[in-house]
Protein backbone atom coordinates (compact mmCIF):
# COMPACT_ATOMS: atom_id res chain seq x y z
CA MET A 1 63.84 78.92 59.73
CA LEU A 2 61.44 81.79 59.45
CA THR A 3 62.49 84.59 61.70
CA THR A 4 60.58 85.77 64.73
CA ARG A 5 60.24 89.19 63.08
CA LEU A 6 58.46 87.65 60.10
CA ARG A 7 56.26 85.56 62.33
CA SER A 8 55.18 88.61 64.33
CA ALA A 9 54.81 90.81 61.28
CA VAL A 10 52.55 88.37 59.47
CA ARG A 11 50.31 87.98 62.49
CA ALA A 12 50.12 91.71 63.15
CA ALA A 13 49.78 92.99 59.60
CA SER A 14 46.36 94.13 58.41
CA GLY A 15 46.74 92.43 55.06
CA THR A 16 48.68 94.68 52.71
CA LEU A 17 52.14 94.11 51.37
CA SER A 18 53.28 97.52 52.57
CA HIS A 19 52.56 96.62 56.17
CA ILE A 20 54.79 93.58 56.06
CA ARG A 21 57.47 94.92 53.77
CA ALA A 22 58.85 97.01 56.63
CA ALA A 23 59.50 93.87 58.62
CA THR A 24 61.26 91.28 56.48
CA LEU A 25 59.56 90.72 53.13
CA CYS A 26 61.33 92.10 50.07
CA PRO A 27 59.57 93.19 46.90
CA CYS A 28 61.36 92.33 43.70
CA GLU A 29 62.90 95.73 43.12
CA ASP A 30 64.72 95.63 46.45
CA ALA A 31 67.92 93.80 47.29
CA ILE A 32 67.38 90.91 49.67
CA PRO A 33 68.97 91.55 53.07
CA SER A 34 71.10 88.74 54.42
CA THR A 35 68.78 88.32 57.40
CA SER A 36 65.64 87.94 55.29
CA ASP A 37 63.69 84.77 54.60
CA SER A 38 62.12 86.04 51.40
CA ALA A 39 63.00 86.19 47.72
CA PRO A 40 61.53 87.84 44.62
CA VAL A 41 59.42 85.82 42.21
CA GLY A 42 59.45 88.02 39.12
CA SER A 43 56.86 90.69 39.80
CA ALA A 44 57.43 94.01 41.56
CA GLU A 45 54.63 93.08 43.95
CA GLY A 46 55.54 89.42 44.29
CA PHE A 47 57.32 87.66 47.09
CA ARG A 48 58.18 84.18 48.26
CA LEU A 49 58.66 82.94 51.82
CA TYR A 50 61.15 80.24 52.66
CA SER A 51 61.65 77.77 55.48
CA GLY A 52 65.29 76.85 55.14
CA THR A 53 65.61 76.23 51.40
CA ALA A 54 62.04 75.06 50.82
CA PRO A 55 59.47 77.48 49.31
CA LEU A 56 56.73 77.98 51.87
CA PHE A 57 54.21 80.45 50.47
CA MET A 58 53.99 82.49 47.29
CA ARG A 59 51.88 85.42 46.21
CA ALA A 60 52.21 87.75 43.24
CA GLY A 61 50.49 91.12 43.39
CA GLY A 62 47.43 92.33 45.27
CA ARG A 63 46.74 91.84 48.94
CA LEU A 64 48.22 89.24 51.23
CA ASP A 65 46.16 86.47 52.71
CA VAL A 66 47.66 86.95 56.15
CA SER A 67 45.86 84.03 57.76
CA ALA A 68 47.09 81.69 55.03
CA VAL A 69 50.67 82.86 55.50
CA ALA A 70 50.42 82.45 59.26
CA ALA A 71 48.97 78.97 58.86
CA ALA A 72 51.77 78.02 56.50
CA ILE A 73 54.29 79.28 59.01
CA GLU A 74 52.73 77.20 61.77
CA ASP A 75 52.78 74.07 59.61
CA ALA A 76 56.42 74.42 58.60
CA ASP A 77 57.74 76.11 61.71
CA GLY A 78 56.36 74.30 64.73
CA LEU A 79 59.17 75.58 66.95
CA ALA A 80 60.20 78.86 65.34
CA SER A 81 61.83 80.29 68.42
CA ILE A 82 62.69 79.74 72.04
CA ARG A 83 59.68 79.35 74.32
CA SER A 84 59.95 79.56 78.08
CA GLU A 85 57.06 77.13 78.49
CA ASP A 86 59.29 74.44 76.94
CA LEU A 87 62.12 75.02 79.42
CA VAL A 88 63.51 71.83 80.96
CA VAL A 89 65.40 72.00 84.27
CA ASN A 90 68.00 69.31 85.02
CA ARG A 91 69.50 70.09 88.41
CA THR A 92 72.98 68.95 89.34
CA THR A 93 73.30 66.11 91.83
CA THR A 94 76.71 67.38 92.97
CA PRO A 95 76.38 71.08 93.87
CA LYS A 96 79.60 72.92 94.59
CA PRO A 97 80.27 74.49 98.00
CA LYS A 98 79.61 78.22 98.00
CA PRO A 99 82.79 80.30 98.19
CA ALA A 100 83.55 82.84 100.88
CA LEU A 101 82.65 86.39 99.90
CA SER A 102 86.32 87.33 99.98
CA GLU A 103 86.99 84.81 97.20
CA LEU A 104 84.61 86.37 94.68
CA LEU A 105 87.02 87.84 92.16
CA PHE A 106 85.35 89.03 88.97
CA GLY A 107 84.53 86.23 86.56
CA ARG A 108 86.63 83.53 88.23
CA ILE A 109 83.94 81.37 89.86
CA MET A 110 80.87 79.97 88.10
CA THR A 111 77.61 78.72 89.56
CA ASP A 112 76.35 75.15 89.21
CA HIS A 113 74.13 75.49 86.15
CA MET A 114 73.90 76.95 82.66
CA LEU A 115 71.02 77.78 80.34
CA GLN A 116 71.27 76.66 76.72
CA ALA A 117 69.27 76.34 73.51
CA ALA A 118 70.53 75.12 70.14
CA TRP A 119 69.39 76.26 66.71
CA ASN A 120 69.58 74.44 63.39
CA VAL A 121 68.47 75.75 60.02
CA ASN A 122 66.46 72.58 59.35
CA THR A 123 64.83 72.03 62.75
CA GLY A 124 64.78 75.45 64.36
CA TRP A 125 65.26 76.01 68.07
CA SER A 126 65.56 73.16 70.51
CA ALA A 127 63.70 73.32 73.78
CA PRO A 128 65.74 75.49 76.17
CA SER A 129 67.24 73.68 79.12
CA ILE A 130 68.96 74.44 82.39
CA ASP A 131 71.70 71.87 82.90
CA PRO A 132 74.69 71.31 85.15
CA LEU A 133 77.58 73.54 84.06
CA ALA A 134 79.82 71.60 81.68
CA PRO A 135 82.34 72.25 78.88
CA LEU A 136 80.87 72.83 75.43
CA GLN A 137 81.30 70.19 72.75
CA LEU A 138 82.35 71.93 69.54
CA HIS A 139 83.54 70.61 66.20
CA PRO A 140 87.08 71.84 65.42
CA ALA A 141 85.67 73.53 62.32
CA ALA A 142 82.94 75.42 64.21
CA GLN A 143 82.59 78.87 62.68
CA VAL A 144 82.95 80.61 66.04
CA LEU A 145 86.51 79.27 66.31
CA HIS A 146 87.60 80.46 62.87
CA TYR A 147 85.62 83.58 62.04
CA GLY A 148 84.60 84.91 65.44
CA ILE A 149 80.87 84.65 64.78
CA GLU A 150 80.03 85.33 68.40
CA CYS A 151 78.33 87.95 70.53
CA PHE A 152 77.55 88.21 74.20
CA GLU A 153 76.02 90.31 76.95
CA GLY A 154 76.93 91.36 80.46
CA MET A 155 74.13 91.87 82.98
CA LYS A 156 73.66 91.60 86.72
CA ALA A 157 71.16 90.34 89.27
CA TYR A 158 71.00 91.64 92.84
CA MET A 159 69.44 90.55 96.12
CA GLY A 160 66.97 93.31 96.84
CA VAL A 161 66.36 94.84 100.23
CA ASP A 162 62.96 93.10 100.07
CA GLY A 163 64.54 89.66 99.71
CA ARG A 164 63.68 89.38 96.02
CA ILE A 165 66.15 88.76 93.22
CA ARG A 166 66.22 91.83 91.00
CA MET A 167 67.60 92.46 87.51
CA PHE A 168 68.62 95.88 86.25
CA ARG A 169 67.08 96.89 82.90
CA PRO A 170 67.39 93.38 81.39
CA ASP A 171 65.26 94.32 78.39
CA LYS A 172 68.07 96.61 77.25
CA ASN A 173 70.53 93.73 77.29
CA MET A 174 68.18 91.50 75.32
CA ASP A 175 67.68 94.24 72.74
CA ARG A 176 71.42 94.71 72.35
CA LEU A 177 72.08 90.97 72.11
CA ALA A 178 69.48 90.71 69.34
CA ARG A 179 71.07 93.62 67.45
CA SER A 180 74.53 92.11 67.76
CA ALA A 181 73.22 88.76 66.55
CA GLN A 182 71.55 90.37 63.56
CA ARG A 183 74.81 92.09 62.60
CA LEU A 184 76.53 88.67 62.57
CA ASN A 185 73.64 87.03 60.70
CA LEU A 186 72.90 84.74 63.64
CA PRO A 187 69.24 83.65 63.76
CA ASP A 188 66.63 85.69 65.57
CA PHE A 189 65.36 84.61 68.96
CA GLU A 190 62.37 85.64 71.02
CA LYS A 191 63.86 88.13 73.49
CA VAL A 192 61.04 88.08 76.03
CA GLU A 193 60.93 84.29 76.10
CA TYR A 194 64.67 83.93 76.52
CA LEU A 195 64.65 86.48 79.32
CA GLU A 196 62.04 84.39 81.11
CA CYS A 197 64.38 81.42 80.82
CA ILE A 198 67.19 83.51 82.32
CA LYS A 199 64.93 84.44 85.22
CA GLU A 200 64.32 80.75 85.90
CA LEU A 201 68.07 80.15 85.85
CA LEU A 202 68.39 82.84 88.52
CA ARG A 203 65.74 81.13 90.63
CA VAL A 204 67.66 77.86 90.36
CA GLU A 205 70.89 79.62 91.41
CA ARG A 206 69.33 81.78 94.13
CA ASP A 207 71.59 80.37 96.85
CA TRP A 208 74.63 81.72 95.00
CA LEU A 209 73.48 85.33 95.37
CA PRO A 210 74.94 87.01 98.47
CA ASP A 211 72.50 89.08 100.51
CA LYS A 212 74.86 92.02 100.84
CA GLU A 213 75.20 95.33 99.02
CA GLY A 214 78.03 95.40 96.53
CA PHE A 215 77.63 91.73 95.67
CA SER A 216 75.70 90.37 92.70
CA LEU A 217 75.42 87.64 90.11
CA TYR A 218 77.03 88.53 86.79
CA LEU A 219 75.23 86.89 83.87
CA ARG A 220 76.92 86.23 80.55
CA PRO A 221 74.46 85.36 77.74
CA THR A 222 76.58 84.15 74.82
CA TYR A 223 75.60 83.39 71.24
CA ILE A 224 77.93 81.42 68.96
CA ALA A 225 77.88 79.94 65.46
CA THR A 226 78.55 76.19 65.67
CA THR A 227 78.30 75.22 61.99
CA PRO A 228 81.20 72.80 61.27
CA THR A 229 82.53 74.40 58.10
CA LEU A 230 85.57 76.33 56.98
CA GLY A 231 83.45 78.26 54.53
CA ILE A 232 82.62 81.89 55.23
CA ALA A 233 78.84 81.69 55.09
CA PRO A 234 75.74 82.42 57.19
CA PRO A 235 75.56 80.02 60.14
CA SER A 236 73.31 76.99 59.79
CA ALA A 237 73.76 76.00 63.43
CA ALA A 238 74.14 78.06 66.58
CA LEU A 239 74.10 77.87 70.35
CA LEU A 240 72.69 80.45 72.75
CA TYR A 241 73.73 79.89 76.34
CA THR A 242 74.05 81.76 79.63
CA ILE A 243 76.43 81.20 82.51
CA ILE A 244 76.59 83.00 85.87
CA SER A 245 79.46 84.20 88.03
CA PRO A 246 79.00 85.52 91.59
CA VAL A 247 80.97 88.74 92.00
CA GLY A 248 81.91 91.08 94.80
CA PRO A 249 82.29 94.87 94.96
CA TYR A 250 84.38 96.39 92.19
CA PHE A 251 85.89 98.71 94.82
CA PRO A 252 86.29 96.50 97.92
CA THR A 253 88.43 99.10 99.72
CA GLY A 254 86.79 102.26 98.44
CA VAL A 255 86.46 104.05 95.12
CA LYS A 256 89.74 104.83 93.45
CA PRO A 257 90.24 106.82 90.24
CA ILE A 258 92.22 105.31 87.39
CA LYS A 259 94.75 106.53 84.85
CA LEU A 260 94.06 106.13 81.12
CA PHE A 261 96.60 105.89 78.32
CA VAL A 262 95.51 107.99 75.35
CA ASP A 263 95.96 105.68 72.36
CA THR A 264 95.88 107.26 68.89
CA ARG A 265 97.67 104.34 67.24
CA HIS A 266 95.17 101.54 67.75
CA ALA A 267 91.45 101.65 66.95
CA ARG A 268 88.80 99.82 68.92
CA ALA A 269 86.18 100.60 66.26
CA TRP A 270 85.89 102.33 62.90
CA PRO A 271 83.11 103.64 60.64
CA GLY A 272 81.00 100.83 59.21
CA GLY A 273 82.43 98.25 61.60
CA VAL A 274 80.91 96.53 64.62
CA GLY A 275 81.82 99.01 67.33
CA ASP A 276 78.18 99.30 68.37
CA CYS A 277 77.84 95.52 68.82
CA LYS A 278 79.02 93.43 71.75
CA VAL A 279 81.16 90.97 69.80
CA GLY A 280 84.27 89.23 71.05
CA GLY A 281 86.56 90.70 68.42
CA ASN A 282 86.01 94.19 69.78
CA TYR A 283 87.59 93.09 73.05
CA ALA A 284 90.27 90.71 71.77
CA SER A 285 91.92 93.53 69.84
CA THR A 286 92.17 95.68 72.98
CA ILE A 287 94.23 93.22 75.02
CA ARG A 288 97.60 94.12 73.50
CA PRO A 289 97.08 97.89 73.90
CA GLN A 290 95.90 97.21 77.46
CA VAL A 291 99.14 95.36 78.25
CA GLN A 292 101.17 98.20 76.79
CA ALA A 293 99.20 100.74 78.82
CA ALA A 294 99.72 98.74 82.01
CA ALA A 295 103.48 98.89 81.46
CA LEU A 296 103.13 102.69 81.64
CA GLY A 297 101.19 102.55 84.90
CA CYS A 298 97.76 102.98 83.31
CA GLN A 299 94.74 100.83 84.16
CA GLN A 300 92.88 101.24 80.86
CA VAL A 301 93.10 102.82 77.41
CA LEU A 302 91.21 105.79 76.01
CA TYR A 303 90.90 105.24 72.27
CA VAL A 304 91.17 108.38 70.14
CA LEU A 305 90.60 107.83 66.43
CA ASP A 306 93.34 109.87 64.76
CA ASN A 307 92.33 111.54 61.50
CA GLY A 308 95.78 112.85 60.69
CA ALA A 309 95.36 116.37 62.08
CA GLU A 310 97.19 117.26 65.27
CA GLY A 311 94.78 117.23 68.21
CA ASP A 312 91.80 116.60 65.96
CA GLY A 313 91.26 112.95 66.86
CA ILE A 314 87.79 111.71 67.81
CA VAL A 315 87.40 110.43 71.38
CA GLY A 316 85.89 106.94 71.53
CA GLU A 317 85.57 104.48 74.38
CA SER A 318 87.84 103.39 77.19
CA GLY A 319 88.41 99.66 76.95
CA ALA A 320 85.16 98.20 78.25
CA MET A 321 83.62 101.52 79.31
CA ASN A 322 81.75 104.45 77.83
CA VAL A 323 83.29 107.78 78.88
CA PHE A 324 81.79 111.03 80.18
CA PHE A 325 83.27 114.49 80.67
CA LEU A 326 81.80 117.09 83.02
CA TRP A 327 83.16 120.54 82.23
CA ARG A 328 82.37 124.19 81.89
CA ARG A 329 82.13 125.33 78.33
CA LYS A 330 83.85 128.51 77.25
CA ASP A 331 80.54 130.34 77.68
CA GLY A 332 80.59 129.34 81.37
CA LYS A 333 77.74 126.82 81.18
CA LYS A 334 78.16 123.45 82.86
CA GLU A 335 77.83 120.47 80.52
CA LEU A 336 78.04 116.69 80.69
CA VAL A 337 79.17 115.33 77.33
CA THR A 338 79.74 111.84 75.95
CA PRO A 339 80.46 110.49 72.45
CA PRO A 340 77.33 109.83 70.35
CA LEU A 341 75.97 106.48 69.22
CA ASP A 342 77.44 106.81 65.75
CA GLY A 343 78.05 103.13 65.07
CA MET A 344 81.47 103.14 66.73
CA ILE A 345 80.25 103.39 70.33
CA LEU A 346 78.65 100.55 72.27
CA PRO A 347 75.17 101.61 73.45
CA GLY A 348 75.89 100.87 77.11
CA VAL A 349 73.01 100.24 79.50
CA THR A 350 74.76 102.20 82.25
CA ARG A 351 75.51 104.95 79.72
CA ASP A 352 71.82 105.27 78.94
CA THR A 353 71.00 105.20 82.65
CA VAL A 354 73.40 108.06 83.40
CA LEU A 355 72.02 110.17 80.56
CA SER A 356 68.43 109.55 81.67
CA LEU A 357 69.16 110.42 85.31
CA VAL A 358 71.13 113.58 84.64
CA ARG A 359 68.57 114.84 82.15
CA SER A 360 65.81 114.23 84.68
CA TRP A 361 67.69 116.35 87.24
CA SER A 362 67.76 119.32 84.82
CA GLU A 363 70.74 120.92 86.56
CA PHE A 364 73.06 121.37 83.60
CA GLU A 365 73.19 120.66 79.92
CA VAL A 366 73.74 117.16 78.56
CA ALA A 367 75.15 116.45 75.11
CA GLU A 368 75.86 113.40 72.97
CA ARG A 369 78.20 114.59 70.25
CA PRO A 370 81.62 113.98 68.70
CA ILE A 371 84.39 115.08 71.08
CA ARG A 372 87.73 116.23 69.70
CA TRP A 373 90.88 115.51 71.66
CA ARG A 374 91.83 119.18 71.48
CA GLU A 375 88.65 120.00 73.45
CA ILE A 376 89.84 117.76 76.28
CA GLU A 377 93.28 119.34 76.33
CA ALA A 378 91.82 122.84 76.29
CA ALA A 379 89.36 122.12 79.11
CA VAL A 380 92.14 120.74 81.31
CA ALA A 381 94.58 123.56 80.48
CA GLU A 382 91.95 126.23 81.18
CA ASN A 383 90.76 124.58 84.42
CA ARG A 384 87.30 124.01 82.96
CA MET A 385 87.39 120.21 83.35
CA LEU A 386 85.39 119.31 86.45
CA GLU A 387 85.21 115.54 86.34
CA MET A 388 85.64 112.50 84.11
CA PHE A 389 84.34 108.97 84.55
CA GLY A 390 83.62 105.74 82.71
CA THR A 391 80.46 103.64 82.89
CA GLY A 392 79.83 99.92 82.56
CA THR A 393 77.91 96.98 84.01
CA ALA A 394 80.82 95.66 86.06
CA VAL A 395 82.01 98.94 87.57
CA ILE A 396 78.84 101.08 87.30
CA ILE A 397 80.82 104.35 87.59
CA GLN A 398 84.63 104.56 87.38
CA PRO A 399 86.25 107.93 88.19
CA ILE A 400 89.22 108.92 86.01
CA SER A 401 91.96 111.20 87.31
CA THR A 402 94.76 111.13 84.72
CA LEU A 403 95.12 111.00 80.93
CA LEU A 404 98.60 109.97 79.81
CA LYS A 405 99.68 110.85 76.27
CA SER A 406 102.21 108.87 74.24
CA ASP A 407 104.81 111.64 74.63
CA GLY A 408 104.67 111.25 78.41
CA THR A 409 102.51 114.32 79.06
CA ALA A 410 99.96 113.70 81.81
CA LEU A 411 96.68 115.62 81.98
CA THR A 412 95.24 115.76 85.49
CA VAL A 413 91.47 115.60 85.91
CA PRO A 414 89.89 116.75 89.22
CA PHE A 415 88.65 114.01 91.56
CA ASP A 416 87.15 114.66 94.99
CA SER A 417 87.76 111.43 96.89
CA ALA A 418 86.06 112.51 100.12
CA GLU A 419 82.91 113.75 98.37
CA THR A 420 82.71 110.61 96.24
CA SER A 421 82.95 108.41 99.32
CA ARG A 422 80.36 110.54 101.12
CA TRP A 423 77.83 109.82 98.40
CA ILE A 424 78.57 106.11 98.11
CA ASP A 425 78.54 105.60 101.90
CA ARG A 426 75.29 107.51 102.23
CA LYS A 427 72.34 105.66 103.76
CA PRO A 428 70.64 103.71 100.95
CA GLY A 429 67.39 105.19 99.72
CA THR A 430 68.22 108.76 100.73
CA THR A 431 69.83 109.93 97.52
CA TYR A 432 68.81 112.84 95.41
CA GLY A 433 65.36 114.26 96.03
CA ALA A 434 63.72 117.47 94.89
CA GLN A 435 66.35 119.61 96.62
CA LYS A 436 69.38 120.92 94.77
CA GLU A 437 72.32 119.50 96.67
CA PRO A 438 75.68 120.89 95.54
CA THR A 439 78.34 118.26 94.95
CA THR A 440 81.80 118.04 93.46
CA SER A 441 81.30 114.35 92.68
CA LEU A 442 78.75 113.56 90.02
CA ALA A 443 80.32 110.09 89.87
CA GLY A 444 79.56 109.41 93.54
CA ARG A 445 76.03 110.73 93.29
CA LEU A 446 75.32 108.61 90.21
CA MET A 447 76.82 105.51 91.82
CA ARG A 448 74.63 105.82 94.92
CA THR A 449 71.52 106.62 92.90
CA ILE A 450 71.95 103.65 90.57
CA MET A 451 72.77 101.24 93.40
CA ASP A 452 69.63 102.34 95.23
CA VAL A 453 67.62 101.24 92.20
CA GLN A 454 69.55 98.01 91.69
CA TYR A 455 69.02 96.83 95.26
CA GLY A 456 65.41 97.95 95.48
CA HIS A 457 65.84 100.87 97.89
CA THR A 458 64.23 103.16 95.30
CA ASP A 459 61.15 102.15 93.34
CA SER A 460 61.89 102.19 89.62
CA PRO A 461 60.75 100.31 86.52
CA TRP A 462 64.45 99.75 85.85
CA SER A 463 64.56 97.23 88.71
CA VAL A 464 62.82 94.03 87.58
CA PRO A 465 61.87 91.53 90.34
CA VAL A 466 62.54 87.90 89.52
CA SER A 467 61.24 86.17 92.63
């Protein structure tokens, strides 16, 4: 099927090849990207559009007849992408009893319904539907089972103080899902339209959302290749679905710091890989190191990519979290630093939120740059390390108090438990204002500030009302 990018580009272009080339069309002298629906026809200015394997429109040289291309697309691609107006809702006739709040362990309980839409190279997208939650029917040769052609997202919905369901920066999750899908050569989908379908799923499942701070609905959009073939090839069939799990507070008895095992043996990501995509393989490979770390009394792993030089490894992520270090540099200036988005780091939504907030406060310097392990050791040894924490959708902010090396050496990172609790227990909506309020817990301050947005205590474009 013609991609949504091509569809939009053709409609928006003013009529010249150069305008559309930047989207998906390839002139003859260029290599054809695997995600493209175009092919050269023999002239440097020629191109051909395809719908599946059938030639759709051809032009050699000169200007494009944009209206003709768009018309051809409409004729051959009546349902090019997911459309929320086509959404069908089939409610369950046997709803499950709602669990007690104390039973809401992360990811264990699912709501009554799921959202799904299927794609086929010959017919395009099916109409999206909300159906009773049920097991998937997959062919044993489905590509997702053999080659891991799968990506997913993690996002949350909250019951706002105004009684409205609210999502936190859902556009960021849709953007990341689309990027992950493109990396796996899964077909494009209309992000805005699919998000509207997700919002309707939330309306259907409204009764599952507890009206209490700390509780939320965790949404898991998932995109899998379902083509029944053992061949390693671009998918010709796929399924995009979303399920929901009601979850409780990550810290039901108060915020507690964790200990990380510093792993220089295993790599979560590597240059040119898929570390910046949310694909299942990135997480499957961390389970064994996680088990080994747990045996040493650590809750998660800090991956340090060893380059062979003692202490010169590059700090990466911590399991399912981005990591931040607050320290004083050797010149005495205070700095918050986190690894850069270099292709090996997942562009976390909470990560971006933290960077945006701290930069808006303009209280100390903020840097995204490669961090050497020796910098961490030096900052701890010289008492310049002030704080360390991880960020993620599930936890929001996770303080870190100890870094355990493979030789048994433990590096202690400061953590002010009382100050962190003071911030988190603060009256909602009364977080940071124009005043400069000293604190020894950036983690606590960030947690309270973000939660105020998520639950609607603070007006912000990041909080998107659903109902």
